[in-house]
């Protein structure tokens, strides 16, 4: 039996993460760290840019700050969860807002997790891995 020209193609699907964060330094650190972990990463720095990128990039997970220019993170999550094509995307809110009412609002709007700044980046990676199983 002779098999000529048989090739197996293996397609590796890398998970995509969109970082929506107006602090460019934090965004850059997260981007570098997550790329080293093997993720495909893109960034947005305000709510309007975020909504445009979500539609084009179609991330597997979103890291979302609340305090953003143009639209708050709360407004962004409302728009995501109303969109049939996007509402399944897990959202981890990463914010300096530690008040109970903000945490409650984040969960009520549909975020999967809520992490307050400052945070442990390894802890964040464990959470990301949990939602990208």
Protein backbone atom coordinates (compact mmCIF):
# COMPACT_ATOMS: atom_id res chain seq x y z
CA UNK A 1 0.00 0.00 0.00
CA UNK A 2 1.47 3.26 -1.09
CA UNK A 3 0.24 6.63 0.07
CA UNK A 4 1.49 9.41 -2.13
CA UNK A 5 1.01 13.04 -1.27
CA UNK A 6 -0.85 12.45 1.95
CA UNK A 7 -0.47 15.35 4.29
CA UNK A 8 -2.23 16.07 7.51
CA UNK A 9 -2.96 19.68 8.21
CA UNK A 10 -3.26 20.66 11.80
CA UNK A 11 -4.97 23.94 12.46
CA UNK A 12 -4.24 25.48 15.81
CA UNK A 13 -6.97 27.81 16.92
CA UNK A 14 -5.66 30.47 19.23
CA UNK A 15 -8.16 32.14 21.53
CA UNK A 16 -8.70 35.86 21.00
CA UNK A 17 -8.93 38.42 23.81
CA UNK A 18 -9.98 42.05 23.48
CA UNK A 19 -8.64 44.39 26.16
CA UNK A 20 -10.83 47.47 26.59
CA UNK A 21 -8.82 49.76 28.85
CA UNK A 22 -8.07 53.49 28.63
CA UNK A 23 -4.85 53.21 30.67
CA UNK A 24 -2.43 52.59 27.81
CA UNK A 25 0.37 51.39 30.11
CA UNK A 26 -1.83 48.76 31.76
CA UNK A 27 -3.25 47.78 28.38
CA UNK A 28 0.25 47.29 26.97
CA UNK A 29 1.40 45.20 29.95
CA UNK A 30 -1.70 42.98 29.67
CA UNK A 31 -1.26 42.68 25.92
CA UNK A 32 2.38 41.56 26.20
CA UNK A 33 1.67 39.13 29.04
CA UNK A 34 -1.33 37.54 27.32
CA UNK A 35 0.51 37.18 24.01
CA UNK A 36 3.30 35.37 25.86
CA UNK A 37 0.61 33.03 27.21
CA UNK A 38 -0.38 32.23 23.61
CA UNK A 39 -3.44 34.41 23.09
CA UNK A 40 -4.21 36.63 20.13
CA UNK A 41 -4.79 40.07 21.64
CA UNK A 42 -6.25 43.35 20.44
CA UNK A 43 -6.97 46.55 22.35
CA UNK A 44 -9.47 49.39 22.45
CA UNK A 45 -9.12 52.56 24.48
CA UNK A 46 -12.68 53.92 24.58
CA UNK A 47 -16.24 52.61 24.40
CA UNK A 48 -16.88 53.53 20.77
CA UNK A 49 -13.64 51.95 19.53
CA UNK A 50 -14.42 48.90 21.67
CA UNK A 51 -17.81 48.30 20.06
CA UNK A 52 -16.30 48.62 16.56
CA UNK A 53 -13.46 46.22 17.37
CA UNK A 54 -15.74 43.63 18.98
CA UNK A 55 -17.74 43.36 15.74
CA UNK A 56 -14.60 42.94 13.59
CA UNK A 57 -12.27 41.00 15.92
CA UNK A 58 -14.96 38.72 17.42
CA UNK A 59 -13.01 37.94 20.59
CA UNK A 60 -13.45 34.77 22.63
CA UNK A 61 -13.21 36.86 25.82
CA UNK A 62 -13.30 40.55 26.74
CA UNK A 63 -11.40 42.31 29.53
CA UNK A 64 -13.41 45.47 30.21
CA UNK A 65 -12.69 48.55 32.31
CA UNK A 66 -15.64 50.61 33.55
CA UNK A 67 -14.12 54.10 33.44
CA UNK A 68 -13.76 54.66 29.70
CA UNK A 69 -14.08 57.73 27.48
CA UNK A 70 -17.13 58.07 25.18
CA UNK A 71 -19.10 55.08 26.60
CA UNK A 72 -18.58 53.62 30.05
CA UNK A 73 -17.83 49.93 30.43
CA UNK A 74 -21.39 49.55 31.71
CA UNK A 75 -22.73 50.98 28.44
CA UNK A 76 -20.42 48.72 26.44
CA UNK A 77 -21.58 45.59 28.27
CA UNK A 78 -25.26 46.56 27.77
CA UNK A 79 -24.70 46.85 24.01
CA UNK A 80 -22.79 43.56 23.84
CA UNK A 81 -25.45 41.63 25.75
CA UNK A 82 -28.24 43.01 23.51
CA UNK A 83 -26.47 41.75 20.37
CA UNK A 84 -27.38 38.13 19.52
CA UNK A 85 -24.06 37.61 17.72
CA UNK A 86 -21.97 38.86 20.66
CA UNK A 87 -23.88 38.19 23.87
CA UNK A 88 -22.21 34.79 24.43
CA UNK A 89 -18.72 36.36 24.78
CA UNK A 90 -17.52 36.13 28.39
CA UNK A 91 -16.64 39.48 29.96
CA UNK A 92 -14.28 40.01 32.86
CA UNK A 93 -14.54 43.51 34.27
CA UNK A 94 -11.23 44.92 35.53
CA UNK A 95 -11.71 48.18 37.35
CA UNK A 96 -10.65 50.41 40.22
CA UNK A 97 -14.31 50.73 41.26
CA UNK A 98 -14.59 48.58 44.37
CA UNK A 99 -17.98 49.75 45.62
CA UNK A 100 -20.59 47.03 46.12
CA UNK A 101 -23.11 48.82 43.87
CA UNK A 102 -20.65 48.77 40.95
CA UNK A 103 -19.80 45.11 41.47
CA UNK A 104 -23.52 44.26 41.67
CA UNK A 105 -24.27 46.30 38.54
CA UNK A 106 -21.49 44.54 36.61
CA UNK A 107 -22.92 41.12 37.42
CA UNK A 108 -26.50 42.26 36.77
CA UNK A 109 -25.48 43.48 33.31
CA UNK A 110 -23.98 40.10 32.52
CA UNK A 111 -20.26 40.08 33.25
CA UNK A 112 -18.85 36.69 34.18
CA UNK A 113 -16.32 38.05 36.63
CA UNK A 114 -15.30 41.29 38.33
CA UNK A 115 -11.70 41.98 39.33
CA UNK A 116 -10.60 45.12 41.14
CA UNK A 117 -7.36 46.99 40.54
CA UNK A 118 -4.66 46.47 41.57
CA UNK A 119 -4.82 42.78 40.72
CA UNK A 120 -2.55 39.77 40.47
CA UNK A 121 -1.91 39.02 36.79
CA UNK A 122 -1.52 35.26 37.40
CA UNK A 123 -4.90 35.29 39.14
CA UNK A 124 -6.36 37.03 36.09
CA UNK A 125 -4.83 34.37 33.82
CA UNK A 126 -6.50 31.62 35.86
CA UNK A 127 -9.84 33.37 35.44
CA UNK A 128 -9.26 33.78 31.70
CA UNK A 129 -8.39 30.08 31.33
CA UNK A 130 -11.55 29.18 33.25
CA UNK A 131 -13.78 31.03 30.76
CA UNK A 132 -11.90 29.90 27.65
CA UNK A 133 -12.14 26.14 28.28
